[in-house]
Amino acid sequence: MTTLELTTGTTRRPKMTAEQAQSFERFSLNNAAILAGAAAARGCECQAYSDWFTYNRWVAQGQQVQRGEHGTKISTYVHGVKTGDDGKEVEYKFPRTSTVFCRHQVAPAKGSENA
């Protein structure tokens, strides 16, 4: 995914489409097991990678997380590129925690096509 350079020197990803929000480059069996347990605790049958998304992925799909809902934390790895001391770009990855919400925790956003 490309990034855009802002005048402040920070980078920001372009806005995600609904199709991009529903696709994943990598899958984690550990996270799928965590989400299966969370779904069972909630009393629902939501499936990992089809019914659980981050807040931004739900927004890209025209959904809004309902007020008061608490997400489930999962561990992910973020891939990045940095410039080494020798001036060459080096790829690396680092751990990050993401919060995801199941489809029972969202509703169509006001003003969206799904509302």
N, C-alpha and C. Protein backbone atom coordinates (compact mmCIF):
# COMPACT_ATOMS: atom_id res chain seq x y z
N MET A 1 0.85 -1.17 0.00
CA MET A 1 0.00 0.00 0.00
C MET A 1 0.90 1.23 0.00
N THR A 2 0.58 2.21 -0.80
CA THR A 2 1.38 3.42 -0.86
C THR A 2 1.02 4.36 0.28
N THR A 3 1.94 5.22 0.60
CA THR A 3 1.68 6.22 1.65
C THR A 3 1.83 7.60 1.05
N LEU A 4 1.18 8.56 1.66
CA LEU A 4 1.23 9.94 1.21
C LEU A 4 2.02 10.75 2.22
N GLU A 5 2.93 11.59 1.76
CA GLU A 5 3.71 12.44 2.63
C GLU A 5 2.92 13.71 2.91
N LEU A 6 2.69 14.01 4.16
CA LEU A 6 1.98 15.22 4.55
C LEU A 6 2.98 16.32 4.85
N THR A 7 2.53 17.54 4.91
CA THR A 7 3.44 18.66 5.15
C THR A 7 4.08 18.60 6.53
N THR A 8 3.50 17.88 7.45
CA THR A 8 4.07 17.77 8.80
C THR A 8 5.19 16.75 8.86
N GLY A 9 5.43 16.03 7.78
CA GLY A 9 6.47 15.02 7.76
C GLY A 9 5.97 13.65 8.18
N THR A 10 4.70 13.54 8.55
CA THR A 10 4.15 12.23 8.90
C THR A 10 3.56 11.59 7.65
N THR A 11 3.34 10.30 7.70
CA THR A 11 2.75 9.61 6.56
C THR A 11 1.39 9.09 6.95
N ARG A 12 0.50 9.02 5.97
CA ARG A 12 -0.85 8.53 6.19
C ARG A 12 -1.25 7.70 4.99
N ARG A 13 -1.91 6.58 5.26
CA ARG A 13 -2.38 5.72 4.18
C ARG A 13 -3.57 6.34 3.48
N PRO A 14 -3.73 6.05 2.18
CA PRO A 14 -4.93 6.50 1.49
C PRO A 14 -6.16 5.82 2.09
N LYS A 15 -7.33 6.41 1.90
CA LYS A 15 -8.57 5.85 2.43
C LYS A 15 -8.82 4.48 1.83
N MET A 16 -9.25 3.55 2.67
CA MET A 16 -9.48 2.16 2.28
C MET A 16 -10.85 2.02 1.63
N THR A 17 -10.92 1.21 0.59
CA THR A 17 -12.21 0.92 -0.04
C THR A 17 -12.87 -0.24 0.70
N ALA A 18 -14.16 -0.45 0.46
CA ALA A 18 -14.89 -1.55 1.10
C ALA A 18 -14.30 -2.90 0.70
N GLU A 19 -13.87 -3.03 -0.56
CA GLU A 19 -13.27 -4.29 -1.01
C GLU A 19 -11.95 -4.54 -0.31
N GLN A 20 -11.12 -3.51 -0.17
CA GLN A 20 -9.85 -3.65 0.53
C GLN A 20 -10.08 -3.99 2.00
N ALA A 21 -11.13 -3.43 2.59
CA ALA A 21 -11.41 -3.65 4.01
C ALA A 21 -11.79 -5.10 4.30
N GLN A 22 -12.22 -5.83 3.29
CA GLN A 22 -12.64 -7.21 3.49
C GLN A 22 -11.59 -8.22 3.05
N SER A 23 -10.42 -7.75 2.62
CA SER A 23 -9.37 -8.66 2.18
C SER A 23 -8.16 -8.57 3.11
N PHE A 24 -7.46 -9.67 3.23
CA PHE A 24 -6.30 -9.75 4.12
C PHE A 24 -5.14 -10.39 3.38
N GLU A 25 -3.94 -9.83 3.59
CA GLU A 25 -2.75 -10.39 2.96
C GLU A 25 -2.22 -11.59 3.74
N ARG A 26 -2.39 -11.57 5.07
CA ARG A 26 -1.87 -12.62 5.93
C ARG A 26 -2.95 -13.07 6.90
N PHE A 27 -2.85 -14.32 7.34
CA PHE A 27 -3.80 -14.88 8.29
C PHE A 27 -3.03 -15.44 9.48
N SER A 28 -3.61 -15.38 10.66
CA SER A 28 -3.00 -15.90 11.87
C SER A 28 -3.95 -16.91 12.51
N LEU A 29 -3.49 -18.15 12.64
CA LEU A 29 -4.31 -19.15 13.29
C LEU A 29 -4.50 -18.81 14.76
N ASN A 30 -3.49 -18.21 15.39
CA ASN A 30 -3.60 -17.81 16.79
C ASN A 30 -4.71 -16.77 16.96
N ASN A 31 -4.73 -15.75 16.11
CA ASN A 31 -5.77 -14.72 16.20
C ASN A 31 -7.15 -15.31 15.87
N ALA A 32 -7.21 -16.25 14.95
CA ALA A 32 -8.49 -16.90 14.63
C ALA A 32 -9.02 -17.65 15.85
N ALA A 33 -8.12 -18.30 16.59
CA ALA A 33 -8.54 -19.01 17.80
C ALA A 33 -9.00 -18.03 18.88
N ILE A 34 -8.30 -16.91 19.02
CA ILE A 34 -8.70 -15.88 20.00
C ILE A 34 -10.10 -15.36 19.66
N LEU A 35 -10.34 -15.09 18.39
CA LEU A 35 -11.64 -14.55 17.97
C LEU A 35 -12.75 -15.59 18.08
N ALA A 36 -12.43 -16.86 17.86
CA ALA A 36 -13.43 -17.92 18.04
C ALA A 36 -13.85 -17.98 19.51
N GLY A 37 -12.87 -17.86 20.42
CA GLY A 37 -13.17 -17.85 21.85
C GLY A 37 -13.97 -16.63 22.25
N ALA A 38 -13.64 -15.47 21.68
CA ALA A 38 -14.37 -14.24 21.98
C ALA A 38 -15.81 -14.33 21.46
N ALA A 39 -15.99 -14.93 20.29
CA ALA A 39 -17.34 -15.09 19.74
C ALA A 39 -18.16 -16.02 20.62
N ALA A 40 -17.55 -17.11 21.08
CA ALA A 40 -18.26 -18.04 21.95
C ALA A 40 -18.65 -17.36 23.26
N ALA A 41 -17.77 -16.52 23.79
CA ALA A 41 -18.08 -15.80 25.03
C ALA A 41 -19.22 -14.80 24.82
N ARG A 42 -19.32 -14.24 23.62
CA ARG A 42 -20.40 -13.30 23.30
C ARG A 42 -21.69 -14.03 22.95
N GLY A 43 -21.60 -15.33 22.69
CA GLY A 43 -22.79 -16.09 22.31
C GLY A 43 -23.13 -15.93 20.85
N CYS A 44 -22.14 -15.62 20.03
CA CYS A 44 -22.40 -15.49 18.59
C CYS A 44 -21.50 -16.45 17.83
N GLU A 45 -21.70 -16.55 16.54
CA GLU A 45 -20.92 -17.47 15.71
C GLU A 45 -20.09 -16.71 14.68
N CYS A 46 -19.60 -15.53 15.04
CA CYS A 46 -18.80 -14.72 14.11
C CYS A 46 -17.49 -15.43 13.79
N GLN A 47 -17.11 -15.40 12.52
CA GLN A 47 -15.90 -16.07 12.04
C GLN A 47 -14.78 -15.06 11.82
N ALA A 48 -13.57 -15.46 12.19
CA ALA A 48 -12.40 -14.60 11.97
C ALA A 48 -12.23 -14.33 10.48
N TYR A 49 -11.80 -13.14 10.14
CA TYR A 49 -11.51 -12.69 8.78
C TYR A 49 -12.73 -12.56 7.88
N SER A 50 -13.93 -12.75 8.44
CA SER A 50 -15.13 -12.46 7.65
C SER A 50 -16.13 -11.65 8.46
N ASP A 51 -16.13 -11.78 9.78
CA ASP A 51 -17.07 -11.07 10.64
C ASP A 51 -16.38 -10.16 11.66
N TRP A 52 -15.07 -10.18 11.74
CA TRP A 52 -14.31 -9.37 12.70
C TRP A 52 -13.41 -8.42 11.92
N PHE A 53 -13.53 -7.12 12.20
CA PHE A 53 -12.70 -6.11 11.53
C PHE A 53 -12.31 -5.02 12.52
N THR A 54 -11.28 -4.27 12.20
CA THR A 54 -10.91 -3.12 13.01
C THR A 54 -11.93 -2.00 12.78
N TYR A 55 -11.87 -1.00 13.63
CA TYR A 55 -12.78 0.15 13.51
C TYR A 55 -12.69 0.75 12.10
N ASN A 56 -11.48 1.01 11.62
CA ASN A 56 -11.32 1.64 10.31
C ASN A 56 -11.84 0.77 9.17
N ARG A 57 -11.69 -0.53 9.29
CA ARG A 57 -12.23 -1.43 8.25
C ARG A 57 -13.76 -1.41 8.25
N TRP A 58 -14.38 -1.33 9.44
CA TRP A 58 -15.85 -1.23 9.49
C TRP A 58 -16.30 0.09 8.87
N VAL A 59 -15.61 1.18 9.16
CA VAL A 59 -15.97 2.48 8.59
C VAL A 59 -15.88 2.43 7.07
N ALA A 60 -14.83 1.80 6.56
CA ALA A 60 -14.66 1.69 5.10
C ALA A 60 -15.81 0.89 4.46
N GLN A 61 -16.46 0.04 5.25
CA GLN A 61 -17.58 -0.75 4.75
C GLN A 61 -18.93 -0.07 5.01
N GLY A 62 -18.90 1.17 5.49
CA GLY A 62 -20.14 1.91 5.73
C GLY A 62 -20.81 1.55 7.04
N GLN A 63 -20.07 1.01 7.98
CA GLN A 63 -20.61 0.61 9.27
C GLN A 63 -20.02 1.49 10.38
N GLN A 64 -20.70 1.56 11.50
CA GLN A 64 -20.23 2.32 12.66
C GLN A 64 -20.30 1.41 13.87
N VAL A 65 -19.21 1.35 14.64
CA VAL A 65 -19.22 0.58 15.88
C VAL A 65 -20.20 1.26 16.83
N GLN A 66 -21.07 0.49 17.44
CA GLN A 66 -22.10 1.04 18.33
C GLN A 66 -21.46 1.56 19.61
N ARG A 67 -22.01 2.65 20.10
CA ARG A 67 -21.51 3.29 21.31
C ARG A 67 -21.50 2.30 22.48
N GLY A 68 -20.42 2.29 23.23
CA GLY A 68 -20.30 1.45 24.41
C GLY A 68 -19.75 0.06 24.15
N GLU A 69 -19.56 -0.31 22.90
CA GLU A 69 -19.03 -1.63 22.59
C GLU A 69 -17.51 -1.67 22.86
N HIS A 70 -17.05 -2.79 23.38
CA HIS A 70 -15.63 -2.99 23.64
C HIS A 70 -15.12 -4.03 22.66
N GLY A 71 -13.97 -3.74 22.07
CA GLY A 71 -13.40 -4.64 21.09
C GLY A 71 -12.55 -5.72 21.73
N THR A 72 -12.07 -6.62 20.90
CA THR A 72 -11.19 -7.70 21.30
C THR A 72 -9.80 -7.40 20.77
N LYS A 73 -8.80 -7.50 21.64
CA LYS A 73 -7.42 -7.20 21.26
C LYS A 73 -6.78 -8.44 20.64
N ILE A 74 -6.07 -8.21 19.53
CA ILE A 74 -5.29 -9.27 18.90
C ILE A 74 -3.90 -8.71 18.59
N SER A 75 -2.93 -9.59 18.45
CA SER A 75 -1.56 -9.19 18.11
C SER A 75 -1.35 -9.33 16.61
N THR A 76 -0.69 -8.34 16.05
CA THR A 76 -0.37 -8.38 14.63
C THR A 76 1.07 -7.94 14.45
N TYR A 77 1.59 -8.10 13.27
CA TYR A 77 2.91 -7.59 12.93
C TYR A 77 2.76 -6.59 11.81
N VAL A 78 3.39 -5.47 11.96
CA VAL A 78 3.36 -4.40 10.96
C VAL A 78 4.69 -4.43 10.22
N HIS A 79 4.63 -4.40 8.91
CA HIS A 79 5.84 -4.38 8.09
C HIS A 79 6.21 -2.95 7.78
N GLY A 80 7.49 -2.66 7.84
CA GLY A 80 7.95 -1.32 7.55
C GLY A 80 9.27 -1.34 6.80
N VAL A 81 9.69 -0.17 6.37
CA VAL A 81 10.96 0.00 5.67
C VAL A 81 11.68 1.17 6.33
N LYS A 82 12.95 0.95 6.66
CA LYS A 82 13.74 2.04 7.22
C LYS A 82 15.06 2.09 6.48
N THR A 83 15.70 3.24 6.55
CA THR A 83 16.99 3.43 5.90
C THR A 83 18.08 3.12 6.91
N GLY A 84 18.97 2.21 6.54
CA GLY A 84 20.05 1.82 7.42
C GLY A 84 21.17 2.86 7.41
N ASP A 85 22.20 2.62 8.22
CA ASP A 85 23.33 3.53 8.30
C ASP A 85 24.08 3.64 6.98
N ASP A 86 24.03 2.59 6.19
CA ASP A 86 24.71 2.59 4.89
C ASP A 86 23.86 3.20 3.78
N GLY A 87 22.67 3.71 4.10
CA GLY A 87 21.81 4.36 3.13
C GLY A 87 20.87 3.41 2.40
N LYS A 88 20.97 2.11 2.66
CA LYS A 88 20.10 1.14 2.00
C LYS A 88 18.82 0.97 2.81
N GLU A 89 17.72 0.72 2.09
CA GLU A 89 16.45 0.48 2.75
C GLU A 89 16.40 -0.95 3.27
N VAL A 90 15.96 -1.09 4.51
CA VAL A 90 15.89 -2.39 5.15
C VAL A 90 14.45 -2.63 5.57
N GLU A 91 13.90 -3.79 5.18
CA GLU A 91 12.54 -4.15 5.60
C GLU A 91 12.60 -4.76 6.98
N TYR A 92 11.58 -4.48 7.78
CA TYR A 92 11.51 -5.04 9.12
C TYR A 92 10.05 -5.18 9.50
N LYS A 93 9.79 -5.89 10.59
CA LYS A 93 8.44 -5.98 11.10
C LYS A 93 8.50 -5.85 12.62
N PHE A 94 7.42 -5.31 13.18
CA PHE A 94 7.36 -5.13 14.62
C PHE A 94 5.96 -5.45 15.11
N PRO A 95 5.85 -5.93 16.36
CA PRO A 95 4.53 -6.32 16.88
C PRO A 95 3.67 -5.10 17.19
N ARG A 96 2.38 -5.30 17.04
CA ARG A 96 1.42 -4.24 17.33
C ARG A 96 0.12 -4.89 17.78
N THR A 97 -0.60 -4.23 18.64
CA THR A 97 -1.89 -4.72 19.09
C THR A 97 -2.98 -3.98 18.33
N SER A 98 -3.96 -4.72 17.83
CA SER A 98 -5.11 -4.14 17.15
C SER A 98 -6.37 -4.52 17.91
N THR A 99 -7.38 -3.67 17.82
CA THR A 99 -8.67 -3.95 18.42
C THR A 99 -9.66 -4.21 17.31
N VAL A 100 -10.38 -5.33 17.40
CA VAL A 100 -11.36 -5.69 16.38
C VAL A 100 -12.74 -5.83 17.01
N PHE A 101 -13.76 -5.68 16.16
CA PHE A 101 -15.16 -5.75 16.58
C PHE A 101 -15.88 -6.73 15.67
N CYS A 102 -16.82 -7.50 16.24
CA CYS A 102 -17.58 -8.46 15.42
C CYS A 102 -18.79 -7.75 14.79
N ARG A 103 -19.42 -8.43 13.86
CA ARG A 103 -20.53 -7.81 13.11
C ARG A 103 -21.73 -7.49 13.99
N HIS A 104 -21.83 -8.10 15.15
CA HIS A 104 -22.93 -7.80 16.07
C HIS A 104 -22.70 -6.50 16.84
N GLN A 105 -21.53 -5.92 16.72
CA GLN A 105 -21.18 -4.70 17.45
C GLN A 105 -21.27 -3.45 16.57
N VAL A 106 -21.72 -3.61 15.34
CA VAL A 106 -21.78 -2.48 14.42
C VAL A 106 -23.19 -2.33 13.85
N ALA A 107 -23.45 -1.14 13.32
CA ALA A 107 -24.71 -0.84 12.64
C ALA A 107 -24.38 0.06 11.44
N PRO A 108 -25.25 0.10 10.46
CA PRO A 108 -24.98 0.99 9.32
C PRO A 108 -24.77 2.43 9.79
N ALA A 109 -23.75 3.07 9.23
CA ALA A 109 -23.45 4.45 9.58
C ALA A 109 -24.50 5.37 8.98
N LYS A 110 -24.81 6.45 9.69
CA LYS A 110 -25.77 7.42 9.18
C LYS A 110 -25.20 8.05 7.92
N GLY A 111 -26.01 8.15 6.90
CA GLY A 111 -25.59 8.75 5.64
C GLY A 111 -24.85 7.80 4.72
N SER A 112 -24.69 6.53 5.11
CA SER A 112 -24.02 5.58 4.23
C SER A 112 -25.07 4.86 3.36
N GLU A 113 -24.59 4.15 2.36
CA GLU A 113 -25.48 3.41 1.47
C GLU A 113 -26.20 2.31 2.23
N ASN A 114 -25.57 1.80 3.30
CA ASN A 114 -26.12 0.67 4.05
C ASN A 114 -27.16 1.09 5.07
N ALA A 115 -27.32 2.38 5.32
CA ALA A 115 -28.24 2.85 6.37
C ALA A 115 -29.68 2.71 5.95
